[in-house]
Protein backbone atom coordinates (compact mmCIF):
# COMPACT_ATOMS: atom_id res chain seq x y z
CA MET A 1 -52.84 -46.07 -89.87
CA LYS A 2 -51.46 -42.61 -89.00
CA SER A 3 -54.89 -41.42 -87.86
CA VAL A 4 -55.28 -44.45 -85.57
CA ARG A 5 -51.91 -43.70 -83.92
CA PHE A 6 -52.85 -40.04 -83.61
CA ILE A 7 -56.19 -40.87 -81.95
CA PHE A 8 -54.48 -43.38 -79.64
CA ALA A 9 -51.81 -40.80 -78.63
CA LEU A 10 -54.45 -38.10 -78.11
CA THR A 11 -56.51 -40.46 -75.96
CA LEU A 12 -53.49 -41.24 -73.80
CA LEU A 13 -52.66 -37.54 -73.36
CA LEU A 14 -56.22 -36.62 -72.41
CA ASN A 15 -56.41 -39.41 -69.82
CA PHE A 16 -53.31 -38.31 -67.88
CA PRO A 17 -53.98 -35.78 -65.12
CA VAL A 18 -52.46 -32.41 -65.73
CA ALA A 19 -49.56 -31.65 -63.39
CA ALA A 20 -50.53 -28.83 -61.05
CA ASP A 21 -47.53 -27.41 -59.27
CA GLU A 22 -48.21 -24.83 -56.58
CA LEU A 23 -46.18 -21.98 -55.06
CA GLN A 24 -47.15 -20.93 -51.54
CA ILE A 25 -46.01 -18.20 -49.20
CA VAL A 26 -45.21 -19.51 -45.71
CA LEU A 27 -46.08 -17.33 -42.72
CA SER A 28 -44.12 -18.48 -39.68
CA GLY A 29 -45.16 -19.00 -36.86
CA LYS A 30 -46.05 -19.87 -33.41
CA ALA A 31 -44.01 -22.09 -31.10
CA ILE A 32 -45.52 -23.77 -28.06
CA HIS A 33 -42.74 -25.01 -25.79
CA LEU A 34 -43.50 -27.96 -23.54
CA GLY A 35 -42.31 -27.05 -20.07
CA ASP A 36 -41.51 -24.00 -17.97
CA ASN A 37 -39.82 -21.40 -20.15
CA ASN A 38 -39.12 -17.76 -20.88
CA LEU A 39 -38.65 -18.31 -24.59
CA ASN A 40 -40.01 -16.34 -27.52
CA GLU A 41 -43.07 -18.18 -28.81
CA SER A 42 -43.82 -15.65 -31.56
CA ASN A 43 -41.50 -17.02 -34.24
CA TYR A 44 -42.54 -14.64 -37.02
CA GLY A 45 -41.00 -14.89 -40.46
CA LEU A 46 -41.57 -15.49 -44.16
CA GLY A 47 -40.79 -18.27 -46.58
CA LEU A 48 -41.81 -20.06 -49.74
CA GLN A 49 -42.93 -23.60 -50.44
CA TYR A 50 -43.20 -25.24 -53.84
CA ASP A 51 -45.35 -28.36 -54.12
CA PHE A 52 -44.88 -30.52 -57.21
CA ASN A 53 -47.94 -32.11 -58.85
CA THR A 54 -50.54 -31.50 -56.12
CA HIS A 55 -53.09 -33.87 -57.72
CA ARG A 56 -51.17 -36.98 -56.75
CA ARG A 57 -51.20 -38.86 -53.45
CA TRP A 58 -47.47 -38.39 -52.86
CA ILE A 59 -46.35 -34.77 -53.32
CA PRO A 60 -42.67 -33.79 -53.40
CA LEU A 61 -41.88 -30.29 -52.10
CA ILE A 62 -39.10 -27.78 -51.56
CA ASN A 63 -39.15 -24.94 -49.07
CA LEU A 64 -37.12 -22.12 -47.54
CA ALA A 65 -37.74 -19.59 -44.78
CA SER A 66 -36.25 -17.05 -42.41
CA PHE A 67 -37.79 -16.40 -38.99
CA LYS A 68 -37.14 -15.26 -35.42
CA ASP A 69 -36.43 -18.36 -33.34
CA SER A 70 -37.25 -19.10 -29.71
CA ASN A 71 -34.21 -17.07 -28.57
CA ASN A 72 -35.37 -14.08 -30.66
CA GLN A 73 -32.55 -14.57 -33.16
CA THR A 74 -32.76 -15.10 -36.90
CA SER A 75 -32.88 -18.69 -38.15
CA LYS A 76 -32.94 -19.76 -41.80
CA TYR A 77 -33.55 -23.05 -43.58
CA ILE A 78 -33.84 -24.61 -46.99
CA GLY A 79 -35.24 -28.07 -47.43
CA ALA A 80 -36.98 -30.73 -49.44
CA GLY A 81 -39.46 -33.40 -48.54
CA ILE A 82 -42.47 -35.42 -49.47
CA LYS A 83 -46.00 -35.58 -48.13
CA ARG A 84 -48.86 -38.03 -48.47
CA ARG A 85 -52.17 -36.33 -49.22
CA PHE A 86 -55.47 -37.63 -47.88
CA LYS A 87 -58.56 -35.90 -49.25
CA ILE A 88 -61.31 -35.38 -46.70
CA ARG A 89 -64.46 -35.74 -48.80
CA SER A 90 -67.08 -35.85 -46.03
CA LEU A 91 -67.04 -32.06 -45.52
CA PRO A 92 -68.78 -29.48 -47.73
CA GLN A 93 -65.49 -27.65 -48.42
CA ARG A 94 -62.69 -29.79 -49.80
CA LEU A 95 -60.01 -30.30 -47.16
CA ASN A 96 -56.71 -32.13 -47.37
CA LEU A 97 -54.77 -33.82 -44.61
CA ASP A 98 -51.07 -34.16 -45.43
CA LEU A 99 -48.56 -36.25 -43.48
CA GLY A 100 -44.98 -35.60 -44.46
CA PHE A 101 -41.30 -35.58 -43.77
CA ALA A 102 -38.73 -32.91 -44.68
CA GLY A 103 -34.97 -32.75 -44.58
CA LEU A 104 -33.59 -29.27 -43.85
CA ILE A 105 -30.28 -27.48 -43.91
CA MET A 106 -30.57 -24.79 -41.25
CA THR A 107 -28.53 -22.03 -39.65
CA ARG A 108 -29.16 -20.61 -36.19
CA GLN A 109 -27.27 -17.76 -34.63
CA ASN A 110 -26.94 -19.48 -31.26
CA TYR A 111 -26.27 -23.03 -32.48
CA ASN A 112 -23.08 -24.52 -33.93
CA ASN A 113 -21.46 -21.07 -34.46
CA GLU A 114 -24.07 -20.37 -37.14
CA GLU A 115 -22.65 -23.18 -39.28
CA PRO A 116 -25.26 -25.03 -41.37
CA PHE A 117 -26.60 -28.24 -39.85
CA PHE A 118 -28.97 -30.94 -41.07
CA GLY A 119 -32.39 -31.55 -39.56
CA ALA A 120 -35.12 -34.04 -40.40
CA ILE A 121 -38.66 -33.40 -39.23
CA PRO A 122 -42.10 -34.94 -39.60
CA PHE A 123 -45.05 -32.62 -40.18
CA VAL A 124 -48.81 -32.60 -40.57
CA SER A 125 -50.81 -30.10 -42.59
CA VAL A 126 -54.50 -29.34 -43.03
CA SER A 127 -55.28 -27.32 -46.17
CA ASN A 128 -57.91 -26.29 -48.66
CA ASP A 129 -57.77 -24.61 -52.09
CA TRP A 130 -56.34 -21.31 -50.80
CA GLY A 131 -54.08 -22.16 -47.84
CA GLY A 132 -53.33 -24.31 -44.87
CA LEU A 133 -51.90 -24.82 -41.41
CA ASN A 134 -48.66 -26.77 -40.88
CA ALA A 135 -47.72 -28.30 -37.52
CA THR A 136 -44.35 -29.80 -36.60
CA TYR A 137 -43.11 -31.39 -33.39
CA ILE A 138 -39.46 -30.66 -32.60
CA SER A 139 -38.01 -32.96 -29.95
CA LYS A 140 -35.29 -31.99 -27.50
CA PHE A 141 -31.93 -32.33 -29.29
CA GLU A 142 -29.67 -30.49 -26.85
CA ASP A 143 -29.62 -30.21 -23.05
CA GLU A 144 -30.73 -26.59 -22.65
CA MET A 145 -33.60 -26.95 -25.11
CA LEU A 146 -37.27 -27.75 -24.58
CA PRO A 147 -39.32 -29.80 -27.04
CA PHE A 148 -41.98 -27.76 -28.81
CA TRP A 149 -44.76 -27.63 -31.39
CA TYR A 150 -44.25 -25.21 -34.29
CA PHE A 151 -47.04 -23.82 -36.47
CA GLN A 152 -47.05 -22.05 -39.84
CA PHE A 153 -49.73 -20.76 -42.19
CA THR A 154 -49.46 -21.20 -45.95
CA LEU A 155 -51.22 -19.13 -48.61
CA LYS A 156 -51.37 -20.22 -52.24
CA LEU A 157 -49.75 -17.66 -54.56
CA ILE A 158 -49.77 -19.38 -57.93
CA GLN A 159 -50.84 -22.73 -59.37
CA PHE A 160 -49.06 -23.83 -62.54
């Protein structure tokens, strides 16, 4: 009886997919403002993103970054979110299309006296086994601001 239970338990363990968490470096970014502007569109900076269990359809994530914003001042954020992964199988190289949503706590030098504020953003990402491109649309949330698209590159550092 013990051997039957052992074989049953082993069979269950071998049939579950192995969790594959992934740590990525985030290279920020490019902003494309919609409208006439004299804003900095080279929003360079660095960050990290940790994706939990990348072999599932729904992937929780945490991220943080520091970058030069559109006013050429330092902005920082830390956040968490979830993304839905769609595997694109019709191409020779495996590509993923992710649609997600992240909640962020952010500080900006020229906003709210640099006090932390909450933001919630949708994003789309196209990735393969070594990295990807993230795109986010930020709508106008104050009068003197223009809506814009924001782009980041990600590079896989480690898969656990």
